Amino acid sequence: MFKQKSIQNKLLIAVSMVILIIILLSSSLYYNSSKNILKNILIKEAEKIAASSKEQSSVTYEITKATRNLNAMAKDLLQSIKHFQV
């Protein structure tokens, strides 16, 4: 009877260890997959920000170019006005 109880206890411990190992492995897999999902989300957000930044940079360049053109046109217009005044 005592030997059977000892075997049952050892078996219970072994089963508990197997269950614990399964839980640890599954939580490790869940952690890694969650980490990869978050990494992919962060990469996509970074790509969106980079594209937006590039677009804003392009718009800023176009505004700067248009401002230079307007300044040149205003300068030409002022010179034309001065020419007619003389």
PDB file of N, CA and C in Angstrom:
ATOM      1  N   MET A   1       0.830  -1.191   0.000  1.00  0.00           N
ATOM      2  CA  MET A   1       0.000   0.000   0.000  1.00  0.00           C
ATOM      3  C   MET A   1       0.877   1.259   0.000  1.00  0.00           C
ATOM      4  N   PHE A   2       1.899   1.246   0.879  1.00  0.00           N
ATOM      5  CA  PHE A   2       2.783   2.412   0.972  1.00  0.00           C
ATOM      6  C   PHE A   2       3.571   2.599  -0.326  1.00  0.00           C
ATOM      7  N   LYS A   3       4.001   1.453  -0.924  1.00  0.00           N
ATOM      8  CA  LYS A   3       4.757   1.510  -2.169  1.00  0.00           C
ATOM      9  C   LYS A   3       3.885   2.047  -3.304  1.00  0.00           C
ATOM     10  N   GLN A   4       2.607   1.628  -3.318  1.00  0.00           N
ATOM     11  CA  GLN A   4       1.677   2.096  -4.355  1.00  0.00           C
ATOM     12  C   GLN A   4       1.440   3.605  -4.204  1.00  0.00           C
ATOM     13  N   LYS A   5       1.317   4.076  -2.964  1.00  0.00           N
ATOM     14  CA  LYS A   5       1.115   5.504  -2.696  1.00  0.00           C
ATOM     15  C   LYS A   5       2.340   6.303  -3.153  1.00  0.00           C
ATOM     16  N   SER A   6       3.531   5.760  -2.907  1.00  0.00           N
ATOM     17  CA  SER A   6       4.769   6.415  -3.319  1.00  0.00           C
ATOM     18  C   SER A   6       4.842   6.503  -4.847  1.00  0.00           C
ATOM     19  N   ILE A   7       4.451   5.438  -5.531  1.00  0.00           N
ATOM     20  CA  ILE A   7       4.438   5.431  -6.999  1.00  0.00           C
ATOM     21  C   ILE A   7       3.425   6.443  -7.518  1.00  0.00           C
ATOM     22  N   GLN A   8       2.261   6.521  -6.874  1.00  0.00           N
ATOM     23  CA  GLN A   8       1.238   7.488  -7.285  1.00  0.00           C
ATOM     24  C   GLN A   8       1.750   8.924  -7.103  1.00  0.00           C
ATOM     25  N   ASN A   9       2.431   9.175  -5.987  1.00  0.00           N
ATOM     26  CA  ASN A   9       2.987  10.508  -5.743  1.00  0.00           C
ATOM     27  C   ASN A   9       4.040  10.870  -6.797  1.00  0.00           C
ATOM     28  N   LYS A  10       4.916   9.907  -7.119  1.00  0.00           N
ATOM     29  CA  LYS A  10       5.935  10.154  -8.139  1.00  0.00           C
ATOM     30  C   LYS A  10       5.284  10.398  -9.500  1.00  0.00           C
ATOM     31  N   LEU A  11       4.254   9.633  -9.805  1.00  0.00           N
ATOM     32  CA  LEU A  11       3.539   9.802 -11.067  1.00  0.00           C
ATOM     33  C   LEU A  11       2.852  11.165 -11.114  1.00  0.00           C
ATOM     34  N   LEU A  12       2.250  11.556 -10.001  1.00  0.00           N
ATOM     35  CA  LEU A  12       1.596  12.867  -9.920  1.00  0.00           C
ATOM     36  C   LEU A  12       2.619  13.994 -10.111  1.00  0.00           C
ATOM     37  N   ILE A  13       3.776  13.844  -9.497  1.00  0.00           N
ATOM     38  CA  ILE A  13       4.836  14.842  -9.654  1.00  0.00           C
ATOM     39  C   ILE A  13       5.304  14.894 -11.111  1.00  0.00           C
ATOM     40  N   ALA A  14       5.479  13.733 -11.737  1.00  0.00           N
ATOM     41  CA  ALA A  14       5.928  13.684 -13.132  1.00  0.00           C
ATOM     42  C   ALA A  14       4.903  14.340 -14.057  1.00  0.00           C
ATOM     43  N   VAL A  15       3.624  14.037 -13.844  1.00  0.00           N
ATOM     44  CA  VAL A  15       2.566  14.630 -14.665  1.00  0.00           C
ATOM     45  C   VAL A  15       2.525  16.145 -14.447  1.00  0.00           C
ATOM     46  N   SER A  16       2.661  16.561 -13.203  1.00  0.00           N
ATOM     47  CA  SER A  16       2.673  17.995 -12.893  1.00  0.00           C
ATOM     48  C   SER A  16       3.845  18.694 -13.576  1.00  0.00           C
ATOM     49  N   MET A  17       5.005  18.049 -13.586  1.00  0.00           N
ATOM     50  CA  MET A  17       6.181  18.621 -14.246  1.00  0.00           C
ATOM     51  C   MET A  17       5.946  18.744 -15.755  1.00  0.00           C
ATOM     52  N   VAL A  18       5.360  17.718 -16.361  1.00  0.00           N
ATOM     53  CA  VAL A  18       5.076  17.757 -17.799  1.00  0.00           C
ATOM     54  C   VAL A  18       4.102  18.896 -18.104  1.00  0.00           C
ATOM     55  N   ILE A  19       3.064  19.034 -17.299  1.00  0.00           N
ATOM     56  CA  ILE A  19       2.086  20.110 -17.496  1.00  0.00           C
ATOM     57  C   ILE A  19       2.763  21.467 -17.333  1.00  0.00           C
ATOM     58  N   LEU A  20       3.609  21.593 -16.330  1.00  0.00           N
ATOM     59  CA  LEU A  20       4.335  22.842 -16.109  1.00  0.00           C
ATOM     60  C   LEU A  20       5.240  23.177 -17.297  1.00  0.00           C
ATOM     61  N   ILE A  21       5.932  22.184 -17.827  1.00  0.00           N
ATOM     62  CA  ILE A  21       6.795  22.399 -18.996  1.00  0.00           C
ATOM     63  C   ILE A  21       5.966  22.832 -20.202  1.00  0.00           C
ATOM     64  N   ILE A  22       4.811  22.198 -20.408  1.00  0.00           N
ATOM     65  CA  ILE A  22       3.927  22.567 -21.520  1.00  0.00           C
ATOM     66  C   ILE A  22       3.457  24.010 -21.363  1.00  0.00           C
ATOM     67  N   ILE A  23       3.083  24.382 -20.148  1.00  0.00           N
ATOM     68  CA  ILE A  23       2.631  25.759 -19.898  1.00  0.00           C
ATOM     69  C   ILE A  23       3.763  26.747 -20.165  1.00  0.00           C
ATOM     70  N   LEU A  24       4.964  26.437 -19.699  1.00  0.00           N
ATOM     71  CA  LEU A  24       6.106  27.326 -19.923  1.00  0.00           C
ATOM     72  C   LEU A  24       6.438  27.460 -21.407  1.00  0.00           C
ATOM     73  N   LEU A  25       6.409  26.347 -22.132  1.00  0.00           N
ATOM     74  CA  LEU A  25       6.691  26.401 -23.567  1.00  0.00           C
ATOM     75  C   LEU A  25       5.634  27.200 -24.317  1.00  0.00           C
ATOM     76  N   SER A  26       4.372  26.973 -23.972  1.00  0.00           N
ATOM     77  CA  SER A  26       3.309  27.704 -24.675  1.00  0.00           C
ATOM     78  C   SER A  26       3.368  29.198 -24.355  1.00  0.00           C
ATOM     79  N   SER A  27       3.684  29.539 -23.105  1.00  0.00           N
ATOM     80  CA  SER A  27       3.789  30.966 -22.782  1.00  0.00           C
ATOM     81  C   SER A  27       4.993  31.593 -23.475  1.00  0.00           C
ATOM     82  N   SER A  28       6.070  30.836 -23.625  1.00  0.00           N
ATOM     83  CA  SER A  28       7.239  31.333 -24.349  1.00  0.00           C
ATOM     84  C   SER A  28       6.900  31.551 -25.822  1.00  0.00           C
ATOM     85  N   LEU A  29       6.188  30.613 -26.430  1.00  0.00           N
ATOM     86  CA  LEU A  29       5.765  30.767 -27.826  1.00  0.00           C
ATOM     87  C   LEU A  29       4.826  31.956 -27.974  1.00  0.00           C
ATOM     88  N   TYR A  30       3.905  32.117 -27.033  1.00  0.00           N
ATOM     89  CA  TYR A  30       2.975  33.249 -27.066  1.00  0.00           C
ATOM     90  C   TYR A  30       3.737  34.562 -26.955  1.00  0.00           C
ATOM     91  N   TYR A  31       4.714  34.602 -26.065  1.00  0.00           N
ATOM     92  CA  TYR A  31       5.530  35.813 -25.890  1.00  0.00           C
ATOM     93  C   TYR A  31       6.273  36.156 -27.182  1.00  0.00           C
ATOM     94  N   ASN A  32       6.903  35.143 -27.787  1.00  0.00           N
ATOM     95  CA  ASN A  32       7.661  35.388 -29.022  1.00  0.00           C
ATOM     96  C   ASN A  32       6.758  35.832 -30.162  1.00  0.00           C
ATOM     97  N   SER A  33       5.586  35.204 -30.290  1.00  0.00           N
ATOM     98  CA  SER A  33       4.681  35.607 -31.372  1.00  0.00           C
ATOM     99  C   SER A  33       4.137  37.008 -31.113  1.00  0.00           C
ATOM    100  N   SER A  34       3.841  37.324 -29.859  1.00  0.00           N
ATOM    101  CA  SER A  34       3.372  38.673 -29.524  1.00  0.00           C
ATOM    102  C   SER A  34       4.457  39.700 -29.813  1.00  0.00           C
ATOM    103  N   LYS A  35       5.683  39.351 -29.486  1.00  0.00           N
ATOM    104  CA  LYS A  35       6.807  40.250 -29.737  1.00  0.00           C
ATOM    105  C   LYS A  35       6.960  40.490 -31.240  1.00  0.00           C
ATOM    106  N   ASN A  36       6.826  39.436 -32.042  1.00  0.00           N
ATOM    107  CA  ASN A  36       6.942  39.590 -33.494  1.00  0.00           C
ATOM    108  C   ASN A  36       5.797  40.418 -34.061  1.00  0.00           C
ATOM    109  N   ILE A  37       4.597  40.223 -33.530  1.00  0.00           N
ATOM    110  CA  ILE A  37       3.444  41.010 -33.987  1.00  0.00           C
ATOM    111  C   ILE A  37       3.669  42.483 -33.671  1.00  0.00           C
ATOM    112  N   LEU A  38       4.103  42.776 -32.458  1.00  0.00           N
ATOM    113  CA  LEU A  38       4.373  44.167 -32.073  1.00  0.00           C
ATOM    114  C   LEU A  38       5.499  44.767 -32.914  1.00  0.00           C
ATOM    115  N   LYS A  39       6.516  43.962 -33.196  1.00  0.00           N
ATOM    116  CA  LYS A  39       7.624  44.430 -34.023  1.00  0.00           C
ATOM    117  C   LYS A  39       7.124  44.795 -35.418  1.00  0.00           C
ATOM    118  N   ASN A  40       6.264  43.948 -35.995  1.00  0.00           N
ATOM    119  CA  ASN A  40       5.716  44.234 -37.327  1.00  0.00           C
ATOM    120  C   ASN A  40       4.858  45.493 -37.318  1.00  0.00           C
ATOM    121  N   ILE A  41       4.074  45.678 -36.255  1.00  0.00           N
ATOM    122  CA  ILE A  41       3.244  46.883 -36.146  1.00  0.00           C
ATOM    123  C   ILE A  41       4.134  48.118 -36.072  1.00  0.00           C
ATOM    124  N   LEU A  42       5.193  48.046 -35.265  1.00  0.00           N
ATOM    125  CA  LEU A  42       6.110  49.182 -35.140  1.00  0.00           C
ATOM    126  C   LEU A  42       6.803  49.489 -36.467  1.00  0.00           C
ATOM    127  N   ILE A  43       7.170  48.451 -37.209  1.00  0.00           N
ATOM    128  CA  ILE A  43       7.814  48.660 -38.514  1.00  0.00           C
ATOM    129  C   ILE A  43       6.852  49.354 -39.469  1.00  0.00           C
ATOM    130  N   LYS A  44       5.588  48.900 -39.490  1.00  0.00           N
ATOM    131  CA  LYS A  44       4.596  49.522 -40.373  1.00  0.00           C
ATOM    132  C   LYS A  44       4.369  50.984 -39.997  1.00  0.00           C
ATOM    133  N   GLU A  45       4.286  51.270 -38.701  1.00  0.00           N
ATOM    134  CA  GLU A  45       4.102  52.653 -38.258  1.00  0.00           C
ATOM    135  C   GLU A  45       5.314  53.511 -38.630  1.00  0.00           C
ATOM    136  N   ALA A  46       6.504  52.953 -38.478  1.00  0.00           N
ATOM    137  CA  ALA A  46       7.716  53.693 -38.847  1.00  0.00           C
ATOM    138  C   ALA A  46       7.729  53.981 -40.348  1.00  0.00           C
ATOM    139  N   GLU A  47       7.282  53.011 -41.151  1.00  0.00           N
ATOM    140  CA  GLU A  47       7.219  53.229 -42.602  1.00  0.00           C
ATOM    141  C   GLU A  47       6.214  54.324 -42.946  1.00  0.00           C
ATOM    142  N   LYS A  48       5.067  54.332 -42.238  1.00  0.00           N
ATOM    143  CA  LYS A  48       4.068  55.382 -42.475  1.00  0.00           C
ATOM    144  C   LYS A  48       4.638  56.754 -42.125  1.00  0.00           C
ATOM    145  N   ILE A  49       5.319  56.830 -40.983  1.00  0.00           N
ATOM    146  CA  ILE A  49       5.906  58.103 -40.547  1.00  0.00           C
ATOM    147  C   ILE A  49       6.972  58.559 -41.541  1.00  0.00           C
ATOM    148  N   ALA A  50       7.790  57.615 -42.008  1.00  0.00           N
ATOM    149  CA  ALA A  50       8.834  57.971 -42.975  1.00  0.00           C
ATOM    150  C   ALA A  50       8.216  58.473 -44.277  1.00  0.00           C
ATOM    151  N   ALA A  51       7.158  57.809 -44.740  1.00  0.00           N
ATOM    152  CA  ALA A  51       6.492  58.244 -45.973  1.00  0.00           C
ATOM    153  C   ALA A  51       5.876  59.625 -45.783  1.00  0.00           C
ATOM    154  N   SER A  52       5.249  59.832 -44.632  1.00  0.00           N
ATOM    155  CA  SER A  52       4.643  61.131 -44.336  1.00  0.00           C
ATOM    156  C   SER A  52       5.713  62.214 -44.263  1.00  0.00           C
ATOM    157  N   SER A  53       6.818  61.892 -43.642  1.00  0.00           N
ATOM    158  CA  SER A  53       7.921  62.849 -43.522  1.00  0.00           C
ATOM    159  C   SER A  53       8.478  63.188 -44.898  1.00  0.00           C
ATOM    160  N   LYS A  54       8.606  62.178 -45.748  1.00  0.00           N
ATOM    161  CA  LYS A  54       9.110  62.400 -47.104  1.00  0.00           C
ATOM    162  C   LYS A  54       8.145  63.291 -47.878  1.00  0.00           C
ATOM    163  N   GLU A  55       6.845  63.018 -47.702  1.00  0.00           N
ATOM    164  CA  GLU A  55       5.827  63.827 -48.378  1.00  0.00           C
ATOM    165  C   GLU A  55       5.881  65.272 -47.880  1.00  0.00           C
ATOM    166  N   GLN A  56       5.997  65.448 -46.568  1.00  0.00           N
ATOM    167  CA  GLN A  56       6.082  66.796 -46.000  1.00  0.00           C
ATOM    168  C   GLN A  56       7.336  67.509 -46.490  1.00  0.00           C
ATOM    169  N   SER A  57       8.428  66.766 -46.595  1.00  0.00           N
ATOM    170  CA  SER A  57       9.672  67.349 -47.091  1.00  0.00           C
ATOM    171  C   SER A  57       9.503  67.798 -48.536  1.00  0.00           C
ATOM    172  N   SER A  58       8.813  66.992 -49.325  1.00  0.00           N
ATOM    173  CA  SER A  58       8.561  67.341 -50.723  1.00  0.00           C
ATOM    174  C   SER A  58       7.693  68.590 -50.819  1.00  0.00           C
ATOM    175  N   VAL A  59       6.661  68.663 -49.973  1.00  0.00           N
ATOM    176  CA  VAL A  59       5.780  69.836 -49.960  1.00  0.00           C
ATOM    177  C   VAL A  59       6.568  71.072 -49.539  1.00  0.00           C
ATOM    178  N   THR A  60       7.397  70.935 -48.522  1.00  0.00           N
ATOM    179  CA  THR A  60       8.219  72.055 -48.059  1.00  0.00           C
ATOM    180  C   THR A  60       9.144  72.534 -49.175  1.00  0.00           C
ATOM    181  N   TYR A  61       9.724  71.600 -49.909  1.00  0.00           N
ATOM    182  CA  TYR A  61      10.602  71.956 -51.025  1.00  0.00           C
ATOM    183  C   TYR A  61       9.825  72.732 -52.089  1.00  0.00           C
ATOM    184  N   GLU A  62       8.627  72.246 -52.417  1.00  0.00           N
ATOM    185  CA  GLU A  62       7.809  72.927 -53.433  1.00  0.00           C
ATOM    186  C   GLU A  62       7.413  74.336 -52.970  1.00  0.00           C
ATOM    187  N   ILE A  63       7.074  74.481 -51.692  1.00  0.00           N
ATOM    188  CA  ILE A  63       6.717  75.803 -51.154  1.00  0.00           C
ATOM    189  C   ILE A  63       7.923  76.736 -51.226  1.00  0.00           C
ATOM    190  N   THR A  64       9.088  76.222 -50.857  1.00  0.00           N
ATOM    191  CA  THR A  64      10.311  77.032 -50.916  1.00  0.00           C
ATOM    192  C   THR A  64      10.600  77.462 -52.352  1.00  0.00           C
ATOM    193  N   LYS A  65      10.452  76.523 -53.279  1.00  0.00           N
ATOM    194  CA  LYS A  65      10.686  76.836 -54.691  1.00  0.00           C
ATOM    195  C   LYS A  65       9.693  77.889 -55.188  1.00  0.00           C
ATOM    196  N   ALA A  66       8.420  77.734 -54.827  1.00  0.00           N
ATOM    197  CA  ALA A  66       7.400  78.706 -55.239  1.00  0.00           C
ATOM    198  C   ALA A  66       7.674  80.077 -54.625  1.00  0.00           C
ATOM    199  N   THR A  67       8.120  80.098 -53.370  1.00  0.00           N
ATOM    200  CA  THR A  67       8.442  81.364 -52.704  1.00  0.00           C
ATOM    201  C   THR A  67       9.596  82.060 -53.413  1.00  0.00           C
ATOM    202  N   ARG A  68      10.609  81.301 -53.794  1.00  0.00           N
ATOM    203  CA  ARG A  68      11.740  81.891 -54.527  1.00  0.00           C
ATOM    204  C   ARG A  68      11.274  82.465 -55.862  1.00  0.00           C
ATOM    205  N   ASN A  69      10.410  81.714 -56.550  1.00  0.00           N
ATOM    206  CA  ASN A  69       9.888  82.208 -57.831  1.00  0.00           C
ATOM    207  C   ASN A  69       9.086  83.495 -57.639  1.00  0.00           C
ATOM    208  N   LEU A  70       8.250  83.514 -56.594  1.00  0.00           N
ATOM    209  CA  LEU A  70       7.467  84.725 -56.316  1.00  0.00           C
ATOM    210  C   LEU A  70       8.369  85.904 -55.973  1.00  0.00           C
ATOM    211  N   ASN A  71       9.402  85.652 -55.197  1.00  0.00           N
ATOM    212  CA  ASN A  71      10.352  86.720 -54.854  1.00  0.00           C
ATOM    213  C   ASN A  71      11.040  87.253 -56.108  1.00  0.00           C
ATOM    214  N   ALA A  72      11.436  86.345 -57.001  1.00  0.00           N
ATOM    215  CA  ALA A  72      12.085  86.772 -58.245  1.00  0.00           C
ATOM    216  C   ALA A  72      11.112  87.582 -59.099  1.00  0.00           C
ATOM    217  N   MET A  73       9.854  87.124 -59.165  1.00  0.00           N
ATOM    218  CA  MET A  73       8.850  87.858 -59.940  1.00  0.00           C
ATOM    219  C   MET A  73       8.596  89.236 -59.334  1.00  0.00           C
ATOM    220  N   ALA A  74       8.526  89.312 -58.007  1.00  0.00           N
ATOM    221  CA  ALA A  74       8.306  90.597 -57.334  1.00  0.00           C
ATOM    222  C   ALA A  74       9.477  91.537 -57.589  1.00  0.00           C
ATOM    223  N   LYS A  75      10.682  90.998 -57.557  1.00  0.00           N
ATOM    224  CA  LYS A  75      11.874  91.809 -57.819  1.00  0.00           C
ATOM    225  C   LYS A  75      11.838  92.348 -59.252  1.00  0.00           C
ATOM    226  N   ASP A  76      11.493  91.474 -60.212  1.00  0.00           N
ATOM    227  CA  ASP A  76      11.377  91.913 -61.611  1.00  0.00           C
ATOM    228  C   ASP A  76      10.300  92.977 -61.765  1.00  0.00           C
ATOM    229  N   LEU A  77       9.176  92.780 -61.083  1.00  0.00           N
ATOM    230  CA  LEU A  77       8.079  93.742 -61.157  1.00  0.00           C
ATOM    231  C   LEU A  77       8.505  95.093 -60.594  1.00  0.00           C
ATOM    232  N   LEU A  78       9.210  95.074 -59.452  1.00  0.00           N
ATOM    233  CA  LEU A  78       9.699  96.329 -58.872  1.00  0.00           C
ATOM    234  C   LEU A  78      10.679  97.032 -59.807  1.00  0.00           C
ATOM    235  N   GLN A  79      11.545  96.273 -60.453  1.00  0.00           N
ATOM    236  CA  GLN A  79      12.488  96.874 -61.400  1.00  0.00           C
ATOM    237  C   GLN A  79      11.745  97.469 -62.594  1.00  0.00           C
ATOM    238  N   SER A  80      10.694  96.769 -63.048  1.00  0.00           N
ATOM    239  CA  SER A  80       9.895  97.293 -64.164  1.00  0.00           C
ATOM    240  C   SER A  80       9.200  98.586 -63.769  1.00  0.00           C
ATOM    241  N   ILE A  81       8.666  98.624 -62.547  1.00  0.00           N
ATOM    242  CA  ILE A  81       7.991  99.836 -62.069  1.00  0.00           C
ATOM    243  C   ILE A  81       8.988 100.982 -61.979  1.00  0.00           C
ATOM    244  N   LYS A  82      10.184 100.716 -61.447  1.00  0.00           N
ATOM    245  CA  LYS A  82      11.215 101.753 -61.340  1.00  0.00           C
ATOM    246  C   LYS A  82      11.620 102.234 -62.730  1.00  0.00           C
ATOM    247  N   HIS A  83      11.671 101.323 -63.695  1.00  0.00           N
ATOM    248  CA  HIS A  83      12.056 101.672 -65.063  1.00  0.00           C
ATOM    249  C   HIS A  83      11.031 102.620 -65.681  1.00  0.00           C
ATOM    250  N   PHE A  84       9.728 102.351 -65.409  1.00  0.00           N
ATOM    251  CA  PHE A  84       8.681 103.213 -65.961  1.00  0.00           C
ATOM    252  C   PHE A  84       8.638 104.564 -65.261  1.00  0.00           C
ATOM    253  N   GLN A  85       9.065 104.615 -64.001  1.00  0.00           N
ATOM    254  CA  GLN A  85       9.038 105.883 -63.261  1.00  0.00           C
ATOM    255  C   GLN A  85      10.127 106.828 -63.738  1.00  0.00           C
ATOM    256  N   VAL A  86      11.175 106.312 -64.251  1.00  0.00           N
ATOM    257  CA  VAL A  86      12.310 107.155 -64.668  1.00  0.00           C
ATOM    258  C   VAL A  86      12.047 107.839 -65.950  1.00  0.00           C
TER     259      VAL A  86
END
